[in-house]
Amino acid sequence: MNCIQTLIAVALVFRIILISDYAKASCQAPAPVCAAALNVFPVRAYSPSASGVRIGANLIITNRHVVTNERSAKVQTKIGEHVVAEVIPSSYPGDLILLRVKGLGTGPRLETAPPPNQNTMVYAIGFDQGRQAIRVYRSGRLLSPPDKYKALSRLHHNAISYPGNSGGALVDKQGRLLGIITSGGEGRHDAIPISQIESLKSMSGPDHKSEHSRISLAYRQCIAATDSMLRSRQILSNEQVKFLDERCRTSNNRQLIDLAAQALGKHRRFDESLALFKVALGQDPNSLNTQLGIVVTLHLARQYSTEVPYLYKLIQTLPRDIQVLRFAIQAGTWGGAPDLADQAMLLLKRHHPKLVPLAERFRRTPAPTQGR
């Protein structure tokens, strides 16, 4: 190695040390959690801001919805360089994909955690769009475990998580990997259990290219059709509804199916919306966002009594959630379940006392009729 090469190598090492020291200083989590962040990288592909987790020397795992049918992605290393990663074709039916990439540098090995219990403390680690850096967010807890009989069911948690975190790491307080962050919002977030990585690996490689193309194209088309439908105020044609339904079902992605069902509900296509939500719930029976989505659609359709069973479950898992409490009070009052409304009122008094007078006035309001 000549003198110039030596100086470059020393500069790179020094830069890595500075970045590592900055990350540690800005991380308020336990030391093992902060160390785990060294295995999480910014990823850009179909999604301009996302994350990926290193699970091997040259191997990163992220969400399929991050890349859709792109052949490559860009990964930002710890020294700020952008390297090209190859998308490894996969027929795995869930929202995971592998990237093969060189030049990530070395880092501590990320251990995997045993299956967590409900209320396990968890941390989300992913790309922060505002800071333009990998960030460890404030801790939360596991709200609902995966259904052991459903291979594609997810971990549901309330650790802080924002856009850009898709493909990032969900870890326990020992810094052990529990899952890959995939979706969520408003304190109801999802992660794919780490136990699914072996299934992904076994269904990835050149032999899976044809199925990979079919699934990934469905992802892209489902996302585009849903976004267009959510923005549109025009009456939907049957052809539009049929295309959205078929493409999103083909994606087999519960998150995308939820969003498509919400778009149909917004356009008052209630039967088609509920049919899609039931597909999602069949894949992941413990999904909080799917259950709440069903409640919203039934509320718009004024089928208040049909909401009640879902709200009984949601109120047990999310006793502080304002949306859940509001719907429980309304559906309980208008749907013939006063005990549900009473339970929600008690929780509202405990967690959001300033909203109680408004809720009490509401309970004296008659149910809406058509046109109201």
Protein backbone atom coordinates (compact mmCIF):
# COMPACT_ATOMS: atom_id res chain seq x y z
CA MET A 1 0.00 0.00 0.00
CA ASN A 2 1.49 3.37 -1.01
CA CYS A 3 1.39 6.54 1.06
CA ILE A 4 -1.76 7.95 -0.61
CA GLN A 5 -3.66 4.68 -0.16
CA THR A 6 -2.62 4.61 3.49
CA LEU A 7 -3.89 8.16 4.05
CA ILE A 8 -7.21 7.33 2.37
CA ALA A 9 -7.62 4.21 4.51
CA VAL A 10 -6.85 6.13 7.69
CA ALA A 11 -9.33 8.87 6.71
CA LEU A 12 -12.07 6.32 6.09
CA VAL A 13 -11.47 4.63 9.44
CA PHE A 14 -11.50 8.01 11.19
CA ARG A 15 -14.77 8.91 9.44
CA ILE A 16 -16.37 5.63 10.53
CA ILE A 17 -15.29 6.29 14.13
CA LEU A 18 -16.77 9.81 14.02
CA ILE A 19 -20.06 8.53 12.60
CA SER A 20 -20.19 5.76 15.19
CA ASP A 21 -19.47 8.19 18.04
CA TYR A 22 -22.15 10.60 16.77
CA ALA A 23 -24.71 7.80 16.54
CA LYS A 24 -23.96 6.71 20.09
CA ALA A 25 -24.17 10.28 21.39
CA SER A 26 -27.53 10.92 19.72
CA CYS A 27 -29.04 7.57 20.75
CA GLN A 28 -31.01 7.62 24.02
CA ALA A 29 -31.71 3.86 24.10
CA PRO A 30 -29.78 1.14 25.95
CA ALA A 31 -26.28 0.53 24.56
CA PRO A 32 -27.13 -2.80 22.85
CA VAL A 33 -30.02 -1.11 20.99
CA CYS A 34 -27.75 1.74 19.85
CA ALA A 35 -25.18 -0.80 18.67
CA ALA A 36 -27.85 -2.62 16.66
CA ALA A 37 -28.36 0.56 14.62
CA LEU A 38 -24.98 -0.07 12.96
CA ASN A 39 -26.67 -2.89 11.03
CA VAL A 40 -29.46 -0.68 9.61
CA PHE A 41 -28.92 1.26 6.36
CA PRO A 42 -30.82 3.79 4.23
CA VAL A 43 -32.26 2.17 1.08
CA ARG A 44 -33.66 3.87 -2.03
CA ALA A 45 -35.52 2.12 -4.83
CA TYR A 46 -39.21 2.39 -5.75
CA SER A 47 -39.60 4.01 -2.32
CA PRO A 48 -37.27 7.02 -2.25
CA SER A 49 -36.73 6.71 1.51
CA ALA A 50 -36.63 3.35 3.25
CA SER A 51 -34.40 1.13 5.34
CA GLY A 52 -32.69 -2.24 5.26
CA VAL A 53 -31.11 -4.55 7.83
CA ARG A 54 -27.79 -6.35 7.34
CA ILE A 55 -28.18 -10.08 7.97
CA GLY A 56 -24.92 -11.19 6.32
CA ALA A 57 -21.62 -9.75 5.10
CA ASN A 58 -23.13 -8.77 1.73
CA LEU A 59 -26.82 -9.36 2.42
CA ILE A 60 -29.55 -6.89 3.38
CA ILE A 61 -33.21 -7.59 4.03
CA THR A 62 -35.93 -5.02 3.38
CA ASN A 63 -39.60 -4.91 2.33
CA ARG A 64 -40.72 -5.97 -1.13
CA HIS A 65 -42.88 -2.84 -1.28
CA VAL A 66 -39.67 -0.80 -1.01
CA VAL A 67 -38.38 -2.15 -4.35
CA THR A 68 -41.51 -3.56 -6.10
CA ASN A 69 -40.24 -4.72 -9.51
CA GLU A 70 -37.00 -2.72 -9.57
CA ARG A 71 -33.91 -4.79 -10.37
CA SER A 72 -31.60 -2.84 -8.09
CA ALA A 73 -31.58 -0.48 -5.14
CA LYS A 74 -29.15 2.03 -3.68
CA VAL A 75 -27.82 1.52 -0.19
CA GLN A 76 -26.01 4.23 1.78
CA THR A 77 -23.02 2.92 3.74
CA LYS A 78 -21.92 4.20 7.14
CA ILE A 79 -19.35 6.46 5.51
CA GLY A 80 -21.99 8.10 3.33
CA GLU A 81 -21.27 6.35 0.05
CA HIS A 82 -24.11 5.04 -2.12
CA VAL A 83 -23.59 1.54 -3.45
CA VAL A 84 -25.77 -0.41 -5.87
CA ALA A 85 -27.53 -3.49 -4.48
CA GLU A 86 -28.94 -6.32 -6.58
CA VAL A 87 -32.52 -7.36 -5.85
CA ILE A 88 -32.58 -11.14 -5.43
CA PRO A 89 -35.69 -12.62 -7.10
CA SER A 90 -38.05 -14.34 -4.68
CA SER A 91 -41.37 -16.14 -4.70
CA TYR A 92 -41.78 -15.60 -0.95
CA PRO A 93 -45.43 -14.50 -0.49
CA GLY A 94 -44.83 -11.92 2.26
CA ASP A 95 -43.47 -8.37 2.26
CA LEU A 96 -39.76 -9.23 2.41
CA ILE A 97 -36.97 -9.24 -0.17
CA LEU A 98 -33.18 -9.73 -0.10
CA LEU A 99 -30.56 -7.36 -1.53
CA ARG A 100 -27.03 -8.45 -2.41
CA VAL A 101 -24.56 -5.62 -1.91
CA LYS A 102 -20.82 -5.19 -1.43
CA GLY A 103 -19.00 -2.46 0.44
CA LEU A 104 -21.13 -2.25 3.58
CA GLY A 105 -18.10 -2.39 5.83
CA THR A 106 -17.82 -4.34 9.03
CA GLY A 107 -20.07 -4.13 12.07
CA PRO A 108 -21.24 -6.06 15.10
CA ARG A 109 -23.23 -9.20 14.35
CA LEU A 110 -26.94 -8.66 14.87
CA GLU A 111 -28.37 -11.40 17.07
CA THR A 112 -31.92 -12.65 16.70
CA ALA A 113 -34.34 -12.65 19.61
CA PRO A 114 -36.56 -15.48 20.82
CA PRO A 115 -40.32 -15.04 20.18
CA PRO A 116 -41.48 -12.08 22.29
CA ASN A 117 -44.31 -11.96 24.80
CA GLN A 118 -47.09 -9.41 24.80
CA ASN A 119 -45.89 -6.15 26.42
CA THR A 120 -42.24 -6.88 25.52
CA MET A 121 -40.37 -3.56 25.25
CA VAL A 122 -39.39 -2.89 21.64
CA TYR A 123 -37.49 -0.24 19.66
CA ALA A 124 -37.82 0.72 16.00
CA ILE A 125 -34.62 1.54 14.10
CA GLY A 126 -34.84 3.05 10.63
CA PHE A 127 -34.12 5.93 8.28
CA ASP A 128 -35.34 9.28 9.58
CA GLN A 129 -36.37 11.47 6.63
CA GLY A 130 -36.03 14.67 8.66
CA ARG A 131 -32.55 13.96 10.00
CA GLN A 132 -31.48 12.09 6.86
CA ALA A 133 -29.89 9.46 9.07
CA ILE A 134 -30.57 6.14 10.75
CA ARG A 135 -32.34 6.74 14.05
CA VAL A 136 -33.34 4.75 17.11
CA TYR A 137 -36.84 5.86 18.12
CA ARG A 138 -38.51 5.98 21.52
CA SER A 139 -39.47 2.56 22.84
CA GLY A 140 -42.92 1.00 22.87
CA ARG A 141 -44.34 -2.40 23.60
CA LEU A 142 -45.67 -5.36 21.74
CA LEU A 143 -49.44 -4.98 21.53
CA SER A 144 -50.36 -8.21 19.80
CA PRO A 145 -48.27 -11.24 18.78
CA PRO A 146 -48.52 -13.03 15.43
CA ASP A 147 -51.20 -15.68 15.07
CA LYS A 148 -49.29 -18.96 15.35
CA TYR A 149 -51.52 -20.59 12.75
CA LYS A 150 -51.02 -17.87 10.11
CA ALA A 151 -47.58 -17.83 8.48
CA LEU A 152 -47.85 -14.22 7.26
CA SER A 153 -49.26 -12.67 10.43
CA ARG A 154 -47.20 -9.90 12.00
CA LEU A 155 -45.94 -8.41 15.23
CA HIS A 156 -48.10 -5.43 16.24
CA HIS A 157 -46.49 -2.77 18.41
CA ASN A 158 -46.65 0.90 19.39
CA ALA A 159 -42.97 1.86 19.31
CA ILE A 160 -42.47 5.19 17.57
CA SER A 161 -42.07 4.67 13.81
CA TYR A 162 -42.26 7.02 10.83
CA PRO A 163 -42.19 6.95 7.01
CA GLY A 164 -38.74 5.87 5.88
CA ASN A 165 -38.60 3.13 8.51
CA SER A 166 -39.99 0.45 6.17
CA GLY A 167 -37.44 -2.37 6.03
CA GLY A 168 -35.84 -1.26 9.30
CA ALA A 169 -35.26 -3.26 12.47
CA LEU A 170 -37.56 -3.91 15.41
CA VAL A 171 -35.37 -4.96 18.35
CA ASP A 172 -35.76 -5.75 22.03
CA LYS A 173 -33.89 -3.92 24.79
CA GLN A 174 -30.96 -6.33 24.39
CA GLY A 175 -30.61 -5.14 20.79
CA ARG A 176 -31.73 -8.49 19.39
CA LEU A 177 -33.66 -8.51 16.13
CA LEU A 178 -37.37 -9.31 16.54
CA GLY A 179 -38.71 -8.33 13.15
CA ILE A 180 -38.53 -6.20 10.02
CA ILE A 181 -40.62 -3.01 10.19
CA THR A 182 -43.17 -2.87 7.42
CA SER A 183 -46.16 -0.59 8.02
CA GLY A 184 -48.36 1.25 10.47
CA GLY A 185 -49.43 4.64 11.72
CA GLU A 186 -50.93 6.52 14.65
CA GLY A 187 -49.36 4.24 17.24
CA ARG A 188 -50.36 0.98 15.53
CA HIS A 189 -47.34 -0.45 13.75
CA ASP A 190 -46.41 -3.80 12.18
CA ALA A 191 -43.25 -5.85 11.81
CA ILE A 192 -42.68 -9.18 10.10
CA PRO A 193 -41.32 -11.75 12.59
CA ILE A 194 -37.67 -12.63 12.14
CA SER A 195 -38.65 -16.31 11.94
CA GLN A 196 -39.73 -15.62 8.34
CA ILE A 197 -36.17 -14.95 7.15
CA GLU A 198 -35.41 -18.62 6.59
CA SER A 199 -38.56 -19.02 4.49
CA LEU A 200 -37.51 -15.98 2.45
CA LYS A 201 -34.02 -17.40 1.86
CA SER A 202 -35.38 -20.78 0.80
CA MET A 203 -37.63 -19.09 -1.78
CA SER A 204 -35.06 -16.70 -3.26
CA GLY A 205 -32.69 -16.99 -6.19
CA PRO A 206 -32.66 -17.17 -10.01
CA ASP A 207 -35.15 -20.07 -10.09
CA HIS A 208 -37.81 -17.78 -8.61
CA LYS A 209 -37.52 -15.01 -11.20
CA SER A 210 -40.86 -15.64 -12.95
CA GLU A 211 -42.95 -15.64 -9.76
CA HIS A 212 -40.96 -12.70 -8.43
CA SER A 213 -41.87 -10.67 -11.51
CA ARG A 214 -45.56 -11.56 -11.21
CA ILE A 215 -45.81 -10.62 -7.52
CA SER A 216 -43.65 -7.49 -7.77
CA LEU A 217 -45.62 -6.11 -10.71
CA ALA A 218 -48.82 -6.63 -8.72
CA TYR A 219 -47.27 -4.62 -5.86
CA ARG A 220 -46.49 -1.71 -8.14
CA GLN A 221 -49.89 -1.75 -9.84
CA CYS A 222 -51.78 -2.10 -6.56
CA ILE A 223 -49.89 0.84 -5.02
CA ALA A 224 -50.45 3.05 -8.07
CA ALA A 225 -54.15 2.17 -8.39
CA THR A 226 -54.77 2.76 -4.67
CA ASP A 227 -52.96 6.13 -4.68
CA SER A 228 -54.96 7.24 -7.72
CA MET A 229 -58.25 6.14 -6.16
CA LEU A 230 -57.52 7.90 -2.86
CA ARG A 231 -56.86 11.18 -4.72
CA SER A 232 -59.84 10.90 -7.06
CA ARG A 233 -63.26 12.36 -6.35
CA GLN A 234 -64.82 10.79 -9.43
CA ILE A 235 -67.31 7.93 -9.28
CA LEU A 236 -65.45 4.67 -9.72
CA SER A 237 -66.14 2.43 -12.67
CA ASN A 238 -66.59 -1.30 -12.16
CA GLU A 239 -63.44 -1.83 -14.24
CA GLN A 240 -61.40 0.33 -11.85
CA VAL A 241 -62.71 -1.54 -8.83
CA LYS A 242 -62.08 -4.91 -10.45
CA PHE A 243 -58.48 -3.98 -11.40
CA LEU A 244 -57.68 -2.70 -7.91
CA ASP A 245 -59.21 -5.76 -6.26
CA GLU A 246 -57.37 -8.26 -8.49
CA ARG A 247 -53.98 -6.54 -8.36
CA CYS A 248 -54.01 -6.07 -4.58
CA ARG A 249 -55.16 -9.63 -3.93
CA THR A 250 -52.33 -10.85 -6.19
CA SER A 251 -49.80 -8.85 -4.16
CA ASN A 252 -50.93 -10.85 -1.10
CA ASN A 253 -49.69 -7.93 1.01
CA ARG A 254 -51.97 -7.27 3.98
CA GLN A 255 -50.89 -3.67 4.25
CA LEU A 256 -51.63 -2.96 0.58
CA ILE A 257 -54.95 -4.80 0.78
CA ASP A 258 -55.90 -2.67 3.80
CA LEU A 259 -55.11 0.53 1.91
CA ALA A 260 -57.09 -0.61 -1.14
CA ALA A 261 -60.05 -1.47 1.10
CA GLN A 262 -59.84 2.00 2.67
CA ALA A 263 -59.88 3.61 -0.78
CA LEU A 264 -62.99 1.63 -1.74
CA GLY A 265 -64.67 2.57 1.53
CA LYS A 266 -63.92 6.25 0.88
CA HIS A 267 -65.79 5.89 -2.42
CA ARG A 268 -68.67 4.15 -0.64
CA ARG A 269 -68.05 0.81 -2.32
CA PHE A 270 -68.74 -0.82 1.03
CA ASP A 271 -69.27 -4.42 -0.07
CA GLU A 272 -66.03 -4.51 -2.06
CA SER A 273 -64.19 -2.74 0.76
CA LEU A 274 -65.34 -5.21 3.41
CA ALA A 275 -64.53 -8.16 1.15
CA LEU A 276 -60.92 -6.97 0.85
CA PHE A 277 -60.64 -6.26 4.58
CA LYS A 278 -61.75 -9.83 5.28
CA VAL A 279 -58.99 -11.13 3.00
CA ALA A 280 -56.50 -9.10 5.05
CA LEU A 281 -57.95 -10.29 8.34
CA GLY A 282 -57.78 -13.89 7.14
CA GLN A 283 -54.05 -13.45 6.64
CA ASP A 284 -53.43 -11.63 9.94
CA PRO A 285 -56.33 -12.04 12.42
CA ASN A 286 -54.60 -9.90 15.08
CA SER A 287 -54.04 -6.90 12.81
CA LEU A 288 -55.19 -3.81 14.67
CA ASN A 289 -55.21 -1.60 11.57
CA THR A 290 -57.31 -4.10 9.63
CA GLN A 291 -59.86 -4.34 12.44
CA LEU A 292 -60.05 -0.55 12.75
CA GLY A 293 -60.37 -0.25 8.97
CA ILE A 294 -63.37 -2.58 9.07
CA VAL A 295 -64.89 -0.46 11.85
CA VAL A 296 -64.48 2.74 9.80
CA THR A 297 -66.08 1.18 6.70
CA LEU A 298 -68.99 -0.21 8.72
CA HIS A 299 -69.40 3.19 10.38
CA LEU A 300 -69.59 4.92 7.01
CA ALA A 301 -72.13 2.30 5.94
CA ARG A 302 -74.04 2.97 9.21
CA GLN A 303 -73.91 -0.68 10.19
CA TYR A 304 -73.23 0.23 13.80
CA SER A 305 -74.23 -3.05 15.43
CA THR A 306 -71.89 -4.97 13.11
CA GLU A 307 -68.93 -2.88 14.37
CA VAL A 308 -69.47 -3.89 17.98
CA PRO A 309 -67.57 -7.25 18.06
CA TYR A 310 -64.48 -5.64 16.50
CA LEU A 311 -64.59 -2.77 18.98
CA TYR A 312 -64.82 -5.09 21.98
CA LYS A 313 -61.50 -6.59 20.85
CA LEU A 314 -59.86 -3.28 19.97
CA ILE A 315 -60.76 -1.60 23.23
CA GLN A 316 -58.96 -4.34 25.15
CA THR A 317 -55.73 -3.90 23.19
CA LEU A 318 -55.89 -0.12 22.63
CA PRO A 319 -57.61 1.32 25.73
CA ARG A 320 -56.05 4.79 25.19
CA ASP A 321 -56.65 5.10 21.45
CA ILE A 322 -58.98 8.08 20.87
CA GLN A 323 -60.28 6.72 17.56
CA VAL A 324 -61.18 3.38 19.12
CA LEU A 325 -62.89 5.06 22.08
CA ARG A 326 -64.84 7.43 19.82
CA PHE A 327 -66.10 4.61 17.60
CA ALA A 328 -66.91 2.46 20.64
CA ILE A 329 -69.02 5.24 22.15
CA GLN A 330 -70.81 5.90 18.86
CA ALA A 331 -71.34 2.28 17.82
CA GLY A 332 -72.30 1.31 21.35
CA THR A 333 -74.85 4.12 21.56
CA TRP A 334 -76.32 3.65 18.09
CA GLY A 335 -75.75 -0.09 17.70
CA GLY A 336 -77.53 -1.38 20.78
CA ALA A 337 -74.45 -2.05 22.95
CA PRO A 338 -74.65 0.47 25.83
CA ASP A 339 -72.16 -1.57 27.89
CA LEU A 340 -69.51 -0.99 25.18
CA ALA A 341 -70.25 2.74 25.24
CA ASP A 342 -70.07 2.77 29.06
CA GLN A 343 -66.72 0.98 29.02
CA ALA A 344 -65.36 3.45 26.47
CA MET A 345 -66.62 6.39 28.55
CA LEU A 346 -64.77 5.11 31.62
CA LEU A 347 -61.56 4.79 29.61
CA LEU A 348 -62.08 8.26 28.15
CA LYS A 349 -62.44 9.73 31.66
CA ARG A 350 -59.22 8.00 32.71
CA HIS A 351 -57.05 8.83 29.71
CA HIS A 352 -58.64 11.87 28.00
CA PRO A 353 -60.80 13.65 30.61
CA LYS A 354 -61.06 16.90 28.61
CA LEU A 355 -63.06 15.08 25.93
CA VAL A 356 -65.68 13.71 28.32
CA PRO A 357 -68.22 16.61 28.10
CA LEU A 358 -68.26 16.34 24.30
CA ALA A 359 -68.75 12.56 24.49
CA GLU A 360 -71.56 12.93 27.01
CA ARG A 361 -73.39 15.38 24.73
CA PHE A 362 -72.89 13.01 21.85
CA ARG A 363 -74.54 10.12 23.70
CA ARG A 364 -77.74 12.16 23.76
CA THR A 365 -77.63 12.61 19.97
CA PRO A 366 -79.88 10.35 17.86
CA ALA A 367 -78.32 8.06 15.28
CA PRO A 368 -77.78 9.62 11.82
CA THR A 369 -80.33 8.91 9.14
CA GLN A 370 -79.75 8.80 5.42
CA GLY A 371 -78.69 12.20 4.20
CA ARG A 372 -77.31 13.32 7.58
